[in-house]
Amino acid sequence: MPTRFWLFLIIALLTLAGCSSYTVISDYDNSAPFGNYKSYRWNESGNKDGSDDMLVKYPLTFKHIKTAVNRELAAKGFMLTETGPVNFTLTARAKVRELMVVNPPVGFAYYSRWGRRGYTTVWHDPYPYPPVSYYEEGTLIIDVTDTKTGELAWSGIARGLLKDYNSSDKIHREIDEVVKQIIAQFPPVIK
């Protein structure tokens, strides 16, 4: 497949088809000191590990995701620090998988005919196999690791159907919206 096609699919994983057709969830460690978190940095080595990570294959998409995350975290008062000690590190990963949907049969048709025994009704299934459709689901995961303990403290996940785009502006708007929804759940409100 052409690289441009895959680039759109990768970016689309963030924009999971249709109006708000993506799901955003998060999970966190209850013992993590979220109230003490002030500074962070990106864990670049975390993105180079997975060969199936789409952000490794498409660094421009990763760059735009980083920019969106940095903007959302800055709005919450967190400071990006390239050197020196930080409270947490961030890692972003993205995956795309193809799924299959088997739809219920369309229905049965019937017709009547005249035979030896008179008028009979015959039931016939014009579609002997159920209709099958394929779609692609994209997942974006943003992990927060506590630097003091080295443990995963928080994880935000966006998942949904991919769609096609005809301009990079639309892709960037969708990435911004998905990242905004994920980061809205960080830091968690612990009750």
C-alpha atoms as a PDB file:
ATOM      1  CA  MET A   1       0.000   0.000   0.000  1.00  0.00           C
ATOM      2  CA  PRO A   2       1.225   3.504  -0.642  1.00  0.00           C
ATOM      3  CA  THR A   3       2.836   5.341   2.238  1.00  0.00           C
ATOM      4  CA  ARG A   4       0.328   8.175   1.985  1.00  0.00           C
ATOM      5  CA  PHE A   5      -2.540   5.731   2.492  1.00  0.00           C
ATOM      6  CA  TRP A   6      -0.941   4.336   5.652  1.00  0.00           C
ATOM      7  CA  LEU A   7      -0.158   7.804   6.945  1.00  0.00           C
ATOM      8  CA  PHE A   8      -3.826   8.709   6.718  1.00  0.00           C
ATOM      9  CA  LEU A   9      -4.785   5.468   8.435  1.00  0.00           C
ATOM     10  CA  ILE A  10      -2.359   6.082  11.244  1.00  0.00           C
ATOM     11  CA  ILE A  11      -3.541   9.565  11.858  1.00  0.00           C
ATOM     12  CA  ALA A  12      -7.099   8.438  11.508  1.00  0.00           C
ATOM     13  CA  LEU A  13      -6.637   6.026  14.371  1.00  0.00           C
ATOM     14  CA  LEU A  14      -6.907   9.062  16.543  1.00  0.00           C
ATOM     15  CA  THR A  15     -10.013  10.197  14.842  1.00  0.00           C
ATOM     16  CA  LEU A  16     -12.124   7.356  15.182  1.00  0.00           C
ATOM     17  CA  ALA A  17     -14.907   7.663  12.568  1.00  0.00           C
ATOM     18  CA  GLY A  18     -17.925   9.821  12.617  1.00  0.00           C
ATOM     19  CA  CYS A  19     -18.921  12.363  15.200  1.00  0.00           C
ATOM     20  CA  SER A  20     -17.411  11.338  18.521  1.00  0.00           C
ATOM     21  CA  SER A  21     -17.358   7.692  17.587  1.00  0.00           C
ATOM     22  CA  TYR A  22     -14.284   7.032  19.677  1.00  0.00           C
ATOM     23  CA  THR A  23     -14.144   5.902  23.257  1.00  0.00           C
ATOM     24  CA  VAL A  24     -11.709   7.393  25.753  1.00  0.00           C
ATOM     25  CA  ILE A  25     -10.922   5.654  29.014  1.00  0.00           C
ATOM     26  CA  SER A  26      -8.168   5.889  31.595  1.00  0.00           C
ATOM     27  CA  ASP A  27      -6.829   3.892  34.492  1.00  0.00           C
ATOM     28  CA  TYR A  28      -4.444   4.856  37.260  1.00  0.00           C
ATOM     29  CA  ASP A  29      -2.473   3.654  40.268  1.00  0.00           C
ATOM     30  CA  ASN A  30      -4.158   4.808  43.492  1.00  0.00           C
ATOM     31  CA  SER A  31      -0.809   5.133  45.255  1.00  0.00           C
ATOM     32  CA  ALA A  32       0.760   7.481  42.669  1.00  0.00           C
ATOM     33  CA  PRO A  33       1.417  11.022  44.029  1.00  0.00           C
ATOM     34  CA  PHE A  34      -0.443  12.933  41.284  1.00  0.00           C
ATOM     35  CA  GLY A  35      -0.645  16.031  43.487  1.00  0.00           C
ATOM     36  CA  ASN A  36       3.154  16.299  43.476  1.00  0.00           C
ATOM     37  CA  TYR A  37       3.497  16.094  39.694  1.00  0.00           C
ATOM     38  CA  LYS A  38       4.797  19.331  38.189  1.00  0.00           C
ATOM     39  CA  SER A  39       7.328  18.475  35.453  1.00  0.00           C
ATOM     40  CA  TYR A  40       7.676  15.787  32.786  1.00  0.00           C
ATOM     41  CA  ARG A  41       9.610  14.664  29.735  1.00  0.00           C
ATOM     42  CA  TRP A  42       8.947  12.306  26.861  1.00  0.00           C
ATOM     43  CA  ASN A  43      10.370   8.801  27.040  1.00  0.00           C
ATOM     44  CA  GLU A  44      11.776   8.518  23.521  1.00  0.00           C
ATOM     45  CA  SER A  45      13.148   4.995  24.038  1.00  0.00           C
ATOM     46  CA  GLY A  46       9.640   3.706  24.756  1.00  0.00           C
ATOM     47  CA  ASN A  47       8.537   4.436  21.205  1.00  0.00           C
ATOM     48  CA  LYS A  48      11.357   2.597  19.454  1.00  0.00           C
ATOM     49  CA  ASP A  49      10.595  -0.824  20.941  1.00  0.00           C
ATOM     50  CA  GLY A  50       7.406  -1.947  19.205  1.00  0.00           C
ATOM     51  CA  SER A  51       7.599  -2.856  15.554  1.00  0.00           C
ATOM     52  CA  ASP A  52       3.808  -2.759  15.320  1.00  0.00           C
ATOM     53  CA  ASP A  53       3.642   0.742  16.843  1.00  0.00           C
ATOM     54  CA  MET A  54       2.366   3.030  14.107  1.00  0.00           C
ATOM     55  CA  LEU A  55       3.998   6.089  15.694  1.00  0.00           C
ATOM     56  CA  VAL A  56       7.424   4.519  15.119  1.00  0.00           C
ATOM     57  CA  LYS A  57       6.600   4.085  11.453  1.00  0.00           C
ATOM     58  CA  TYR A  58       5.187   7.609  11.096  1.00  0.00           C
ATOM     59  CA  PRO A  59       7.286  10.099  13.079  1.00  0.00           C
ATOM     60  CA  LEU A  60       5.387  13.166  11.800  1.00  0.00           C
ATOM     61  CA  THR A  61       2.204  11.814  13.343  1.00  0.00           C
ATOM     62  CA  PHE A  62       4.071  11.195  16.587  1.00  0.00           C
ATOM     63  CA  LYS A  63       5.424  14.751  16.474  1.00  0.00           C
ATOM     64  CA  HIS A  64       1.915  16.190  16.117  1.00  0.00           C
ATOM     65  CA  ILE A  65       0.632  14.029  18.983  1.00  0.00           C
ATOM     66  CA  LYS A  66       3.501  15.229  21.186  1.00  0.00           C
ATOM     67  CA  THR A  67       2.711  18.843  20.329  1.00  0.00           C
ATOM     68  CA  ALA A  68      -0.966  18.352  21.201  1.00  0.00           C
ATOM     69  CA  VAL A  69      -0.153  16.581  24.488  1.00  0.00           C
ATOM     70  CA  ASN A  70       2.386  19.256  25.452  1.00  0.00           C
ATOM     71  CA  ARG A  71      -0.176  21.988  24.765  1.00  0.00           C
ATOM     72  CA  GLU A  72      -2.866  20.271  26.862  1.00  0.00           C
ATOM     73  CA  LEU A  73      -0.488  19.570  29.755  1.00  0.00           C
ATOM     74  CA  ALA A  74       0.823  23.171  29.699  1.00  0.00           C
ATOM     75  CA  ALA A  75      -2.767  24.383  30.000  1.00  0.00           C
ATOM     76  CA  LYS A  76      -3.038  22.263  33.166  1.00  0.00           C
ATOM     77  CA  GLY A  77       0.156  23.778  34.621  1.00  0.00           C
ATOM     78  CA  PHE A  78       2.631  20.958  33.889  1.00  0.00           C
ATOM     79  CA  MET A  79       6.091  21.907  32.650  1.00  0.00           C
ATOM     80  CA  LEU A  80       8.030  20.071  29.924  1.00  0.00           C
ATOM     81  CA  THR A  81      11.672  19.711  31.023  1.00  0.00           C
ATOM     82  CA  GLU A  82      14.280  18.310  28.637  1.00  0.00           C
ATOM     83  CA  THR A  83      17.079  17.987  31.216  1.00  0.00           C
ATOM     84  CA  GLY A  84      17.247  17.494  34.945  1.00  0.00           C
ATOM     85  CA  PRO A  85      14.890  15.657  37.260  1.00  0.00           C
ATOM     86  CA  VAL A  86      11.192  15.348  36.410  1.00  0.00           C
ATOM     87  CA  ASN A  87       8.203  13.874  38.213  1.00  0.00           C
ATOM     88  CA  PHE A  88       6.922  11.718  35.351  1.00  0.00           C
ATOM     89  CA  THR A  89       7.662  10.593  31.820  1.00  0.00           C
ATOM     90  CA  LEU A  90       5.250  10.142  28.907  1.00  0.00           C
ATOM     91  CA  THR A  91       5.084   7.413  26.291  1.00  0.00           C
ATOM     92  CA  ALA A  92       2.659   7.326  23.354  1.00  0.00           C
ATOM     93  CA  ARG A  93       1.792   4.269  21.259  1.00  0.00           C
ATOM     94  CA  ALA A  94      -0.670   3.664  18.446  1.00  0.00           C
ATOM     95  CA  LYS A  95      -1.998   0.518  16.854  1.00  0.00           C
ATOM     96  CA  VAL A  96      -4.352  -0.308  13.990  1.00  0.00           C
ATOM     97  CA  ARG A  97      -6.169  -3.607  13.592  1.00  0.00           C
ATOM     98  CA  GLU A  98      -8.616  -4.903  11.024  1.00  0.00           C
ATOM     99  CA  LEU A  99     -11.875  -6.315  12.337  1.00  0.00           C
ATOM    100  CA  MET A 100     -14.634  -8.278  10.661  1.00  0.00           C
ATOM    101  CA  VAL A 101     -18.365  -7.926  11.235  1.00  0.00           C
ATOM    102  CA  VAL A 102     -20.737 -10.701  10.238  1.00  0.00           C
ATOM    103  CA  ASN A 103     -24.112  -9.105   9.656  1.00  0.00           C
ATOM    104  CA  PRO A 104     -27.340 -11.008  10.147  1.00  0.00           C
ATOM    105  CA  PRO A 105     -28.839 -12.555   7.027  1.00  0.00           C
ATOM    106  CA  VAL A 106     -30.920 -10.196   4.941  1.00  0.00           C
ATOM    107  CA  GLY A 107     -33.958 -12.447   5.017  1.00  0.00           C
ATOM    108  CA  PHE A 108     -35.766 -15.185   3.264  1.00  0.00           C
ATOM    109  CA  ALA A 109     -37.742 -14.917   0.094  1.00  0.00           C
ATOM    110  CA  TYR A 110     -40.670 -17.084  -0.743  1.00  0.00           C
ATOM    111  CA  TYR A 111     -42.654 -17.835  -3.809  1.00  0.00           C
ATOM    112  CA  SER A 112     -45.617 -19.955  -4.613  1.00  0.00           C
ATOM    113  CA  ARG A 113     -45.854 -22.577  -7.296  1.00  0.00           C
ATOM    114  CA  TRP A 114     -48.316 -25.001  -8.658  1.00  0.00           C
ATOM    115  CA  GLY A 115     -47.260 -28.629  -8.359  1.00  0.00           C
ATOM    116  CA  ARG A 116     -48.736 -32.117  -8.409  1.00  0.00           C
ATOM    117  CA  ARG A 117     -50.279 -31.688  -5.015  1.00  0.00           C
ATOM    118  CA  GLY A 118     -51.642 -28.278  -5.715  1.00  0.00           C
ATOM    119  CA  TYR A 119     -50.498 -24.810  -4.794  1.00  0.00           C
ATOM    120  CA  THR A 120     -47.454 -24.778  -2.443  1.00  0.00           C
ATOM    121  CA  THR A 121     -45.273 -22.095  -0.925  1.00  0.00           C
ATOM    122  CA  VAL A 122     -41.525 -22.532  -1.161  1.00  0.00           C
ATOM    123  CA  TRP A 123     -39.124 -20.693   1.175  1.00  0.00           C
ATOM    124  CA  HIS A 124     -35.806 -19.797  -0.342  1.00  0.00           C
ATOM    125  CA  ASP A 125     -32.781 -17.949   1.034  1.00  0.00           C
ATOM    126  CA  PRO A 126     -31.408 -15.810  -1.812  1.00  0.00           C
ATOM    127  CA  TYR A 127     -28.303 -15.025   0.261  1.00  0.00           C
ATOM    128  CA  PRO A 128     -26.919 -18.324   1.508  1.00  0.00           C
ATOM    129  CA  TYR A 129     -23.966 -16.655   3.225  1.00  0.00           C
ATOM    130  CA  PRO A 130     -24.289 -13.805   5.709  1.00  0.00           C
ATOM    131  CA  PRO A 131     -22.902 -10.448   4.553  1.00  0.00           C
ATOM    132  CA  VAL A 132     -19.445  -9.696   5.943  1.00  0.00           C
ATOM    133  CA  SER A 133     -17.846  -6.279   6.242  1.00  0.00           C
ATOM    134  CA  TYR A 134     -14.381  -5.232   7.344  1.00  0.00           C
ATOM    135  CA  TYR A 135     -13.262  -2.111   9.151  1.00  0.00           C
ATOM    136  CA  GLU A 136     -10.172  -0.823  10.893  1.00  0.00           C
ATOM    137  CA  GLU A 137     -10.017   0.150  14.529  1.00  0.00           C
ATOM    138  CA  GLY A 138      -7.330   2.476  15.820  1.00  0.00           C
ATOM    139  CA  THR A 139      -6.020   2.817  19.361  1.00  0.00           C
ATOM    140  CA  LEU A 140      -3.904   5.606  20.847  1.00  0.00           C
ATOM    141  CA  ILE A 141      -2.353   4.986  24.274  1.00  0.00           C
ATOM    142  CA  ILE A 142      -0.623   7.627  26.385  1.00  0.00           C
ATOM    143  CA  ASP A 143       1.196   6.302  29.464  1.00  0.00           C
ATOM    144  CA  VAL A 144       2.488   8.257  32.453  1.00  0.00           C
ATOM    145  CA  THR A 145       5.343   6.646  34.385  1.00  0.00           C
ATOM    146  CA  ASP A 146       6.387   7.896  37.815  1.00  0.00           C
ATOM    147  CA  THR A 147      10.136   8.591  37.636  1.00  0.00           C
ATOM    148  CA  LYS A 148      10.714   8.022  41.352  1.00  0.00           C
ATOM    149  CA  THR A 149       9.275   4.491  41.403  1.00  0.00           C
ATOM    150  CA  GLY A 150       9.620   3.610  37.715  1.00  0.00           C
ATOM    151  CA  GLU A 151       6.040   2.278  37.834  1.00  0.00           C
ATOM    152  CA  LEU A 152       3.198   3.032  35.450  1.00  0.00           C
ATOM    153  CA  ALA A 153       1.022   5.632  37.198  1.00  0.00           C
ATOM    154  CA  TRP A 154      -1.658   6.473  34.622  1.00  0.00           C
ATOM    155  CA  SER A 155      -2.765   5.330  31.194  1.00  0.00           C
ATOM    156  CA  GLY A 156      -5.193   7.035  28.801  1.00  0.00           C
ATOM    157  CA  ILE A 157      -6.631   5.141  25.847  1.00  0.00           C
ATOM    158  CA  ALA A 158      -8.672   6.334  22.853  1.00  0.00           C
ATOM    159  CA  ARG A 159     -10.208   3.696  20.593  1.00  0.00           C
ATOM    160  CA  GLY A 160     -12.533   3.834  17.614  1.00  0.00           C
ATOM    161  CA  LEU A 161     -13.137   3.334  13.926  1.00  0.00           C
ATOM    162  CA  LEU A 162     -10.783   4.831  11.382  1.00  0.00           C
ATOM    163  CA  LYS A 163     -11.923   7.093   8.591  1.00  0.00           C
ATOM    164  CA  ASP A 164     -10.388   8.590   5.483  1.00  0.00           C
ATOM    165  CA  TYR A 165      -9.260  12.193   5.232  1.00  0.00           C
ATOM    166  CA  ASN A 166      -8.738  14.476   2.298  1.00  0.00           C
ATOM    167  CA  SER A 167      -6.641  17.145   4.058  1.00  0.00           C
ATOM    168  CA  SER A 168      -4.029  17.305   6.778  1.00  0.00           C
ATOM    169  CA  ASP A 169      -5.980  20.099   8.520  1.00  0.00           C
ATOM    170  CA  LYS A 170      -8.820  17.697   9.256  1.00  0.00           C
ATOM    171  CA  ILE A 171      -6.362  15.097  10.513  1.00  0.00           C
ATOM    172  CA  HIS A 172      -4.690  17.592  12.840  1.00  0.00           C
ATOM    173  CA  ARG A 173      -8.040  18.780  14.211  1.00  0.00           C
ATOM    174  CA  GLU A 174      -9.033  15.201  14.968  1.00  0.00           C
ATOM    175  CA  ILE A 175      -5.690  14.450  16.649  1.00  0.00           C
ATOM    176  CA  ASP A 176      -6.070  17.589  18.755  1.00  0.00           C
ATOM    177  CA  GLU A 177      -9.600  16.589  19.786  1.00  0.00           C
ATOM    178  CA  VAL A 178      -8.670  13.017  20.707  1.00  0.00           C
ATOM    179  CA  VAL A 179      -5.605  14.127  22.693  1.00  0.00           C
ATOM    180  CA  LYS A 180      -7.713  16.752  24.465  1.00  0.00           C
ATOM    181  CA  GLN A 181     -10.216  14.054  25.491  1.00  0.00           C
ATOM    182  CA  ILE A 182      -7.445  11.778  26.780  1.00  0.00           C
ATOM    183  CA  ILE A 183      -5.557  14.474  28.720  1.00  0.00           C
ATOM    184  CA  ALA A 184      -8.835  15.764  30.197  1.00  0.00           C
ATOM    185  CA  GLN A 185      -8.736  12.653  32.397  1.00  0.00           C
ATOM    186  CA  PHE A 186      -5.231  13.409  33.722  1.00  0.00           C
ATOM    187  CA  PRO A 187      -4.483  13.752  36.578  1.00  0.00           C
ATOM    188  CA  PRO A 188      -7.270  11.544  37.857  1.00  0.00           C
ATOM    189  CA  VAL A 189      -9.662  12.769  40.509  1.00  0.00           C
ATOM    190  CA  ILE A 190      -9.062  10.341  43.379  1.00  0.00           C
ATOM    191  CA  LYS A 191     -12.066  10.012  45.666  1.00  0.00           C
END
